[in-house]
Structure formats: structure tokens, C-alpha cells
Amino acid sequence: MRGSRSLVLATSKTRNGKLVCKPGANPFAPPPGSYQQSCKNASMAGPILRASCKASDGGRVDTTINTLDCPGLDITVKPNGKLKCK
């Protein structure tokens, strides 16, 4: 049909004929990774992971990494406190 549009909601179900959201993973949450052991205040801005990570000298470093550069890889922390793909 010309001009018709449809919307597929993968995280929805119907209840009494009405669409309702199902609980699920937050797509905007920081990804899992070993960085979580030494970083705090992790957040996402699009594909960019931001966090304050502990360096080997005990100081904290504000750091970012593009998670698209780490598909399927663990995100870890270098000795200087910067995030890296491993």
C-alpha cells in the first residue's frame, strides 16, 4: 500500500488489545566489562562510553572509548587509567 507505515516493537506485548512495554535490558546502559572493577560513574553518550577510572598510581582519570571499536571484546583499563579494548 502506498503511504502505509508499520511499526514493529520487539519489546512489546499486548494486554487486552493494548500495547504495553515488557521489561528488558536498558539499551543506554554501559556495556559489561572488566573496566567496571576500577571505574565509576560510567555512562553512555551514543556509542561512547565515559567513565572515571583508577590509574596504577591511585589517581583517577576521566576517559572515553568508542564501543563500536570493541565489538565482542572486553573493555579494560590500562595502567594509566585509560579505557582500552582487549
PDB file of N, CA and C in Angstrom:
ATOM      1  N   MET A   1       0.817  -1.168   0.000  1.00  0.00           N
ATOM      2  CA  MET A   1       0.000   0.000   0.000  1.00  0.00           C
ATOM      3  C   MET A   1       0.869   1.242   0.000  1.00  0.00           C
ATOM      4  N   ARG A   2       0.555   2.127  -0.827  1.00  0.00           N
ATOM      5  CA  ARG A   2       1.305   3.361  -0.899  1.00  0.00           C
ATOM      6  C   ARG A   2       0.963   4.240   0.307  1.00  0.00           C
ATOM      7  N   GLY A   3       2.005   4.746   0.968  1.00  0.00           N
ATOM      8  CA  GLY A   3       1.798   5.641   2.089  1.00  0.00           C
ATOM      9  C   GLY A   3       1.509   4.948   3.408  1.00  0.00           C
ATOM     10  N   SER A   4       1.422   3.627   3.408  1.00  0.00           N
ATOM     11  CA  SER A   4       1.173   2.964   4.688  1.00  0.00           C
ATOM     12  C   SER A   4       2.488   2.741   5.408  1.00  0.00           C
ATOM     13  N   ARG A   5       2.423   2.727   6.713  1.00  0.00           N
ATOM     14  CA  ARG A   5       3.610   2.527   7.525  1.00  0.00           C
ATOM     15  C   ARG A   5       3.282   1.520   8.608  1.00  0.00           C
ATOM     16  N   SER A   6       4.297   0.791   9.016  1.00  0.00           N
ATOM     17  CA  SER A   6       4.100  -0.132  10.123  1.00  0.00           C
ATOM     18  C   SER A   6       5.252   0.027  11.099  1.00  0.00           C
ATOM     19  N   LEU A   7       4.996  -0.336  12.320  1.00  0.00           N
ATOM     20  CA  LEU A   7       5.988  -0.246  13.368  1.00  0.00           C
ATOM     21  C   LEU A   7       6.055  -1.588  14.070  1.00  0.00           C
ATOM     22  N   VAL A   8       7.259  -2.123  14.170  1.00  0.00           N
ATOM     23  CA  VAL A   8       7.454  -3.386  14.867  1.00  0.00           C
ATOM     24  C   VAL A   8       8.135  -3.080  16.186  1.00  0.00           C
ATOM     25  N   LEU A   9       7.503  -3.466  17.276  1.00  0.00           N
ATOM     26  CA  LEU A   9       8.066  -3.260  18.599  1.00  0.00           C
ATOM     27  C   LEU A   9       8.529  -4.599  19.149  1.00  0.00           C
ATOM     28  N   ALA A  10       9.830  -4.802  19.148  1.00  0.00           N
ATOM     29  CA  ALA A  10      10.374  -6.082  19.587  1.00  0.00           C
ATOM     30  C   ALA A  10      10.205  -6.292  21.086  1.00  0.00           C
ATOM     31  N   THR A  11      10.060  -5.212  21.822  1.00  0.00           N
ATOM     32  CA  THR A  11       9.932  -5.350  23.272  1.00  0.00           C
ATOM     33  C   THR A  11       8.529  -4.969  23.727  1.00  0.00           C
ATOM     34  N   SER A  12       7.532  -5.450  23.004  1.00  0.00           N
ATOM     35  CA  SER A  12       6.161  -5.146  23.402  1.00  0.00           C
ATOM     36  C   SER A  12       5.318  -6.405  23.384  1.00  0.00           C
ATOM     37  N   LYS A  13       4.206  -6.335  24.043  1.00  0.00           N
ATOM     38  CA  LYS A  13       3.230  -7.409  24.029  1.00  0.00           C
ATOM     39  C   LYS A  13       1.865  -6.761  24.156  1.00  0.00           C
ATOM     40  N   THR A  14       0.836  -7.518  23.980  1.00  0.00           N
ATOM     41  CA  THR A  14      -0.499  -6.943  24.115  1.00  0.00           C
ATOM     42  C   THR A  14      -1.156  -7.440  25.391  1.00  0.00           C
ATOM     43  N   ARG A  15      -1.918  -6.561  25.967  1.00  0.00           N
ATOM     44  CA  ARG A  15      -2.712  -6.899  27.143  1.00  0.00           C
ATOM     45  C   ARG A  15      -4.090  -6.305  26.902  1.00  0.00           C
ATOM     46  N   ASN A  16      -5.075  -7.178  26.750  1.00  0.00           N
ATOM     47  CA  ASN A  16      -6.436  -6.722  26.461  1.00  0.00           C
ATOM     48  C   ASN A  16      -6.489  -5.856  25.213  1.00  0.00           C
ATOM     49  N   GLY A  17      -5.681  -6.219  24.211  1.00  0.00           N
ATOM     50  CA  GLY A  17      -5.697  -5.493  22.946  1.00  0.00           C
ATOM     51  C   GLY A  17      -4.882  -4.218  22.935  1.00  0.00           C
ATOM     52  N   LYS A  18      -4.190  -3.883  24.031  1.00  0.00           N
ATOM     53  CA  LYS A  18      -3.387  -2.671  24.097  1.00  0.00           C
ATOM     54  C   LYS A  18      -1.915  -3.046  24.171  1.00  0.00           C
ATOM     55  N   LEU A  19      -1.072  -2.263  23.499  1.00  0.00           N
ATOM     56  CA  LEU A  19       0.370  -2.495  23.551  1.00  0.00           C
ATOM     57  C   LEU A  19       0.922  -2.020  24.885  1.00  0.00           C
ATOM     58  N   VAL A  20       1.773  -2.833  25.488  1.00  0.00           N
ATOM     59  CA  VAL A  20       2.458  -2.460  26.723  1.00  0.00           C
ATOM     60  C   VAL A  20       3.924  -2.853  26.587  1.00  0.00           C
ATOM     61  N   CYS A  21       4.779  -2.129  27.251  1.00  0.00           N
ATOM     62  CA  CYS A  21       6.213  -2.430  27.203  1.00  0.00           C
ATOM     63  C   CYS A  21       6.536  -3.576  28.144  1.00  0.00           C
ATOM     64  N   LYS A  22       7.450  -4.434  27.689  1.00  0.00           N
ATOM     65  CA  LYS A  22       7.969  -5.507  28.528  1.00  0.00           C
ATOM     66  C   LYS A  22       9.258  -5.007  29.167  1.00  0.00           C
ATOM     67  N   PRO A  23       9.522  -5.391  30.400  1.00  0.00           N
ATOM     68  CA  PRO A  23      10.804  -5.012  30.990  1.00  0.00           C
ATOM     69  C   PRO A  23      11.938  -5.709  30.248  1.00  0.00           C
ATOM     70  N   GLY A  24      13.038  -5.051  30.160  1.00  0.00           N
ATOM     71  CA  GLY A  24      14.189  -5.643  29.485  1.00  0.00           C
ATOM     72  C   GLY A  24      15.440  -4.854  29.786  1.00  0.00           C
ATOM     73  N   ALA A  25      16.497  -5.208  29.121  1.00  0.00           N
ATOM     74  CA  ALA A  25      17.776  -4.540  29.319  1.00  0.00           C
ATOM     75  C   ALA A  25      17.687  -3.094  28.846  1.00  0.00           C
ATOM     76  N   ASN A  26      18.370  -2.223  29.540  1.00  0.00           N
ATOM     77  CA  ASN A  26      18.416  -0.819  29.168  1.00  0.00           C
ATOM     78  C   ASN A  26      19.418  -0.662  28.027  1.00  0.00           C
ATOM     79  N   PRO A  27      18.960  -0.263  26.833  1.00  0.00           N
ATOM     80  CA  PRO A  27      19.892  -0.150  25.700  1.00  0.00           C
ATOM     81  C   PRO A  27      20.881   0.993  25.859  1.00  0.00           C
ATOM     82  N   PHE A  28      20.663   1.871  26.829  1.00  0.00           N
ATOM     83  CA  PHE A  28      21.556   3.003  27.043  1.00  0.00           C
ATOM     84  C   PHE A  28      22.505   2.781  28.214  1.00  0.00           C
ATOM     85  N   ALA A  29      22.459   1.603  28.799  1.00  0.00           N
ATOM     86  CA  ALA A  29      23.334   1.289  29.927  1.00  0.00           C
ATOM     87  C   ALA A  29      24.750   0.998  29.433  1.00  0.00           C
ATOM     88  N   PRO A  30      25.757   1.317  30.237  1.00  0.00           N
ATOM     89  CA  PRO A  30      27.130   0.970  29.855  1.00  0.00           C
ATOM     90  C   PRO A  30      27.265  -0.540  29.673  1.00  0.00           C
ATOM     91  N   PRO A  31      28.084  -0.969  28.718  1.00  0.00           N
ATOM     92  CA  PRO A  31      28.247  -2.404  28.476  1.00  0.00           C
ATOM     93  C   PRO A  31      29.006  -3.083  29.616  1.00  0.00           C
ATOM     94  N   PRO A  32      28.823  -4.389  29.753  1.00  0.00           N
ATOM     95  CA  PRO A  32      29.597  -5.105  30.765  1.00  0.00           C
ATOM     96  C   PRO A  32      31.077  -5.117  30.370  1.00  0.00           C
ATOM     97  N   GLY A  33      31.917  -5.318  31.341  1.00  0.00           N
ATOM     98  CA  GLY A  33      33.347  -5.409  31.061  1.00  0.00           C
ATOM     99  C   GLY A  33      34.146  -5.334  32.344  1.00  0.00           C
ATOM    100  N   SER A  34      35.394  -5.747  32.272  1.00  0.00           N
ATOM    101  CA  SER A  34      36.228  -5.752  33.473  1.00  0.00           C
ATOM    102  C   SER A  34      36.572  -4.335  33.931  1.00  0.00           C
ATOM    103  N   TYR A  35      36.368  -3.326  33.079  1.00  0.00           N
ATOM    104  CA  TYR A  35      36.609  -1.939  33.468  1.00  0.00           C
ATOM    105  C   TYR A  35      35.760  -1.551  34.690  1.00  0.00           C
ATOM    106  N   GLN A  36      34.619  -2.224  34.876  1.00  0.00           N
ATOM    107  CA  GLN A  36      33.701  -1.874  35.951  1.00  0.00           C
ATOM    108  C   GLN A  36      34.320  -2.077  37.334  1.00  0.00           C
ATOM    109  N   GLN A  37      35.385  -2.883  37.413  1.00  0.00           N
ATOM    110  CA  GLN A  37      36.051  -3.124  38.697  1.00  0.00           C
ATOM    111  C   GLN A  37      36.847  -1.919  39.166  1.00  0.00           C
ATOM    112  N   SER A  38      37.343  -1.096  38.241  1.00  0.00           N
ATOM    113  CA  SER A  38      38.175   0.038  38.648  1.00  0.00           C
ATOM    114  C   SER A  38      37.662   1.383  38.141  1.00  0.00           C
ATOM    115  N   CYS A  39      36.461   1.403  37.554  1.00  0.00           N
ATOM    116  CA  CYS A  39      35.882   2.653  37.061  1.00  0.00           C
ATOM    117  C   CYS A  39      34.579   2.953  37.785  1.00  0.00           C
ATOM    118  N   LYS A  40      34.243   4.224  37.859  1.00  0.00           N
ATOM    119  CA  LYS A  40      32.964   4.629  38.423  1.00  0.00           C
ATOM    120  C   LYS A  40      32.346   5.694  37.524  1.00  0.00           C
ATOM    121  N   ASN A  41      31.080   5.982  37.786  1.00  0.00           N
ATOM    122  CA  ASN A  41      30.332   6.979  37.014  1.00  0.00           C
ATOM    123  C   ASN A  41      30.317   6.672  35.521  1.00  0.00           C
ATOM    124  N   ALA A  42      30.247   5.398  35.165  1.00  0.00           N
ATOM    125  CA  ALA A  42      30.198   5.014  33.749  1.00  0.00           C
ATOM    126  C   ALA A  42      28.856   5.430  33.154  1.00  0.00           C
ATOM    127  N   SER A  43      28.912   5.982  31.947  1.00  0.00           N
ATOM    128  CA  SER A  43      27.690   6.390  31.250  1.00  0.00           C
ATOM    129  C   SER A  43      27.938   6.304  29.750  1.00  0.00           C
ATOM    130  N   MET A  44      26.850   6.328  29.008  1.00  0.00           N
ATOM    131  CA  MET A  44      26.933   6.256  27.554  1.00  0.00           C
ATOM    132  C   MET A  44      26.417   7.556  26.943  1.00  0.00           C
ATOM    133  N   ALA A  45      27.074   8.001  25.878  1.00  0.00           N
ATOM    134  CA  ALA A  45      26.623   9.110  25.038  1.00  0.00           C
ATOM    135  C   ALA A  45      26.697   8.567  23.622  1.00  0.00           C
ATOM    136  N   GLY A  46      25.584   7.986  23.155  1.00  0.00           N
ATOM    137  CA  GLY A  46      25.619   7.259  21.886  1.00  0.00           C
ATOM    138  C   GLY A  46      26.494   6.038  22.092  1.00  0.00           C
ATOM    139  N   PRO A  47      27.454   5.789  21.185  1.00  0.00           N
ATOM    140  CA  PRO A  47      28.331   4.627  21.346  1.00  0.00           C
ATOM    141  C   PRO A  47      29.551   4.897  22.234  1.00  0.00           C
ATOM    142  N   ILE A  48      29.644   6.117  22.770  1.00  0.00           N
ATOM    143  CA  ILE A  48      30.818   6.499  23.562  1.00  0.00           C
ATOM    144  C   ILE A  48      30.597   6.175  25.038  1.00  0.00           C
ATOM    145  N   LEU A  49      31.492   5.356  25.576  1.00  0.00           N
ATOM    146  CA  LEU A  49      31.487   5.024  26.996  1.00  0.00           C
ATOM    147  C   LEU A  49      32.374   6.026  27.717  1.00  0.00           C
ATOM    148  N   ARG A  50      31.836   6.655  28.744  1.00  0.00           N
ATOM    149  CA  ARG A  50      32.599   7.599  29.568  1.00  0.00           C
ATOM    150  C   ARG A  50      32.676   7.035  30.974  1.00  0.00           C
ATOM    151  N   ALA A  51      33.830   7.198  31.610  1.00  0.00           N
ATOM    152  CA  ALA A  51      33.986   6.708  32.978  1.00  0.00           C
ATOM    153  C   ALA A  51      35.166   7.405  33.642  1.00  0.00           C
ATOM    154  N   SER A  52      35.178   7.353  34.959  1.00  0.00           N
ATOM    155  CA  SER A  52      36.306   7.824  35.750  1.00  0.00           C
ATOM    156  C   SER A  52      36.997   6.572  36.279  1.00  0.00           C
ATOM    157  N   CYS A  53      38.209   6.322  35.785  1.00  0.00           N
ATOM    158  CA  CYS A  53      38.892   5.060  36.087  1.00  0.00           C
ATOM    159  C   CYS A  53      40.151   5.291  36.924  1.00  0.00           C
ATOM    160  N   LYS A  54      40.459   4.301  37.741  1.00  0.00           N
ATOM    161  CA  LYS A  54      41.610   4.378  38.622  1.00  0.00           C
ATOM    162  C   LYS A  54      42.880   3.969  37.876  1.00  0.00           C
ATOM    163  N   ALA A  55      43.900   4.816  37.950  1.00  0.00           N
ATOM    164  CA  ALA A  55      45.204   4.515  37.351  1.00  0.00           C
ATOM    165  C   ALA A  55      46.052   3.765  38.379  1.00  0.00           C
ATOM    166  N   SER A  56      47.141   3.167  37.907  1.00  0.00           N
ATOM    167  CA  SER A  56      48.002   2.386  38.800  1.00  0.00           C
ATOM    168  C   SER A  56      48.652   3.239  39.889  1.00  0.00           C
ATOM    169  N   ASP A  57      48.758   4.562  39.682  1.00  0.00           N
ATOM    170  CA  ASP A  57      49.328   5.433  40.716  1.00  0.00           C
ATOM    171  C   ASP A  57      48.289   5.852  41.759  1.00  0.00           C
ATOM    172  N   GLY A  58      47.051   5.340  41.611  1.00  0.00           N
ATOM    173  CA  GLY A  58      45.990   5.634  42.566  1.00  0.00           C
ATOM    174  C   GLY A  58      45.108   6.800  42.186  1.00  0.00           C
ATOM    175  N   GLY A  59      45.547   7.595  41.211  1.00  0.00           N
ATOM    176  CA  GLY A  59      44.743   8.726  40.758  1.00  0.00           C
ATOM    177  C   GLY A  59      43.594   8.266  39.873  1.00  0.00           C
ATOM    178  N   ARG A  60      42.640   9.148  39.632  1.00  0.00           N
ATOM    179  CA  ARG A  60      41.510   8.844  38.766  1.00  0.00           C
ATOM    180  C   ARG A  60      41.664   9.622  37.468  1.00  0.00           C
ATOM    181  N   VAL A  61      41.228   8.995  36.370  1.00  0.00           N
ATOM    182  CA  VAL A  61      41.327   9.587  35.043  1.00  0.00           C
ATOM    183  C   VAL A  61      39.959   9.546  34.393  1.00  0.00           C
ATOM    184  N   ASP A  62      39.477  10.687  33.910  1.00  0.00           N
ATOM    185  CA  ASP A  62      38.252  10.714  33.120  1.00  0.00           C
ATOM    186  C   ASP A  62      38.619  10.265  31.716  1.00  0.00           C
ATOM    187  N   THR A  63      37.945   9.240  31.234  1.00  0.00           N
ATOM    188  CA  THR A  63      38.322   8.628  29.970  1.00  0.00           C
ATOM    189  C   THR A  63      37.093   8.231  29.161  1.00  0.00           C
ATOM    190  N   THR A  64      37.283   8.084  27.855  1.00  0.00           N
ATOM    191  CA  THR A  64      36.203   7.659  26.959  1.00  0.00           C
ATOM    192  C   THR A  64      36.732   6.625  25.981  1.00  0.00           C
ATOM    193  N   ILE A  65      35.802   5.846  25.424  1.00  0.00           N
ATOM    194  CA  ILE A  65      36.139   4.904  24.359  1.00  0.00           C
ATOM    195  C   ILE A  65      34.899   4.707  23.501  1.00  0.00           C
ATOM    196  N   ASN A  66      35.106   4.568  22.200  1.00  0.00           N
ATOM    197  CA  ASN A  66      34.005   4.283  21.284  1.00  0.00           C
ATOM    198  C   ASN A  66      33.761   2.779  21.315  1.00  0.00           C
ATOM    199  N   THR A  67      32.616   2.367  21.836  1.00  0.00           N
ATOM    200  CA  THR A  67      32.325   0.941  21.984  1.00  0.00           C
ATOM    201  C   THR A  67      32.161   0.242  20.637  1.00  0.00           C
ATOM    202  N   LEU A  68      31.942   0.993  19.571  1.00  0.00           N
ATOM    203  CA  LEU A  68      31.852   0.380  18.239  1.00  0.00           C
ATOM    204  C   LEU A  68      33.206  -0.164  17.793  1.00  0.00           C
ATOM    205  N   ASP A  69      34.272   0.324  18.406  1.00  0.00           N
ATOM    206  CA  ASP A  69      35.620  -0.170  18.104  1.00  0.00           C
ATOM    207  C   ASP A  69      35.935  -1.456  18.861  1.00  0.00           C
ATOM    208  N   CYS A  70      35.030  -1.899  19.724  1.00  0.00           N
ATOM    209  CA  CYS A  70      35.273  -3.059  20.579  1.00  0.00           C
ATOM    210  C   CYS A  70      34.201  -4.141  20.430  1.00  0.00           C
ATOM    211  N   PRO A  71      33.752  -4.447  19.230  1.00  0.00           N
ATOM    212  CA  PRO A  71      32.664  -5.433  19.116  1.00  0.00           C
ATOM    213  C   PRO A  71      33.083  -6.800  19.648  1.00  0.00           C
ATOM    214  N   GLY A  72      32.382  -7.266  20.667  1.00  0.00           N
ATOM    215  CA  GLY A  72      32.663  -8.579  21.230  1.00  0.00           C
ATOM    216  C   GLY A  72      33.919  -8.658  22.067  1.00  0.00           C
ATOM    217  N   LEU A  73      34.577  -7.524  22.292  1.00  0.00           N
ATOM    218  CA  LEU A  73      35.816  -7.515  23.070  1.00  0.00           C
ATOM    219  C   LEU A  73      35.564  -6.972  24.470  1.00  0.00           C
ATOM    220  N   ASP A  74      36.385  -7.395  25.414  1.00  0.00           N
ATOM    221  CA  ASP A  74      36.295  -6.868  26.767  1.00  0.00           C
ATOM    222  C   ASP A  74      36.869  -5.455  26.778  1.00  0.00           C
ATOM    223  N   ILE A  75      36.279  -4.591  27.579  1.00  0.00           N
ATOM    224  CA  ILE A  75      36.816  -3.242  27.772  1.00  0.00           C
ATOM    225  C   ILE A  75      37.516  -3.257  29.125  1.00  0.00           C
ATOM    226  N   THR A  76      38.800  -2.937  29.103  1.00  0.00           N
ATOM    227  CA  THR A  76      39.625  -2.973  30.301  1.00  0.00           C
ATOM    228  C   THR A  76      40.234  -1.594  30.543  1.00  0.00           C
ATOM    229  N   VAL A  77      41.047  -1.488  31.576  1.00  0.00           N
ATOM    230  CA  VAL A  77      41.703  -0.238  31.926  1.00  0.00           C
ATOM    231  C   VAL A  77      43.208  -0.409  31.842  1.00  0.00           C
ATOM    232  N   LYS A  78      43.869   0.477  31.110  1.00  0.00           N
ATOM    233  CA  LYS A  78      45.335   0.488  31.029  1.00  0.00           C
ATOM    234  C   LYS A  78      45.902   0.986  32.379  1.00  0.00           C
ATOM    235  N   PRO A  79      47.186   0.745  32.634  1.00  0.00           N
ATOM    236  CA  PRO A  79      47.786   1.249  33.873  1.00  0.00           C
ATOM    237  C   PRO A  79      47.648   2.775  34.041  1.00  0.00           C
ATOM    238  N   ASN A  80      47.562   3.513  32.924  1.00  0.00           N
ATOM    239  CA  ASN A  80      47.426   4.967  33.016  1.00  0.00           C
ATOM    240  C   ASN A  80      45.983   5.413  33.265  1.00  0.00           C
ATOM    241  N   GLY A  81      45.056   4.455  33.416  1.00  0.00           N
ATOM    242  CA  GLY A  81      43.664   4.762  33.716  1.00  0.00           C
ATOM    243  C   GLY A  81      42.772   4.911  32.509  1.00  0.00           C
ATOM    244  N   LYS A  82      43.319   4.839  31.312  1.00  0.00           N
ATOM    245  CA  LYS A  82      42.528   4.973  30.079  1.00  0.00           C
ATOM    246  C   LYS A  82      41.868   3.650  29.726  1.00  0.00           C
ATOM    247  N   LEU A  83      40.669   3.740  29.137  1.00  0.00           N
ATOM    248  CA  LEU A  83      39.962   2.541  28.685  1.00  0.00           C
ATOM    249  C   LEU A  83      40.596   2.001  27.417  1.00  0.00           C
ATOM    250  N   LYS A  84      40.528   0.668  27.239  1.00  0.00           N
ATOM    251  CA  LYS A  84      41.016   0.052  26.002  1.00  0.00           C
ATOM    252  C   LYS A  84      40.218  -1.224  25.719  1.00  0.00           C
ATOM    253  N   CYS A  85      40.208  -1.609  24.445  1.00  0.00           N
ATOM    254  CA  CYS A  85      39.593  -2.876  24.026  1.00  0.00           C
ATOM    255  C   CYS A  85      40.636  -3.967  24.200  1.00  0.00           C
ATOM    256  N   LYS A  86      40.193  -5.124  24.669  1.00  0.00           N
ATOM    257  CA  LYS A  86      41.149  -6.227  24.834  1.00  0.00           C
ATOM    258  C   LYS A  86      40.625  -7.442  24.122  1.00  0.00           C
TER     259      LYS A  86
END
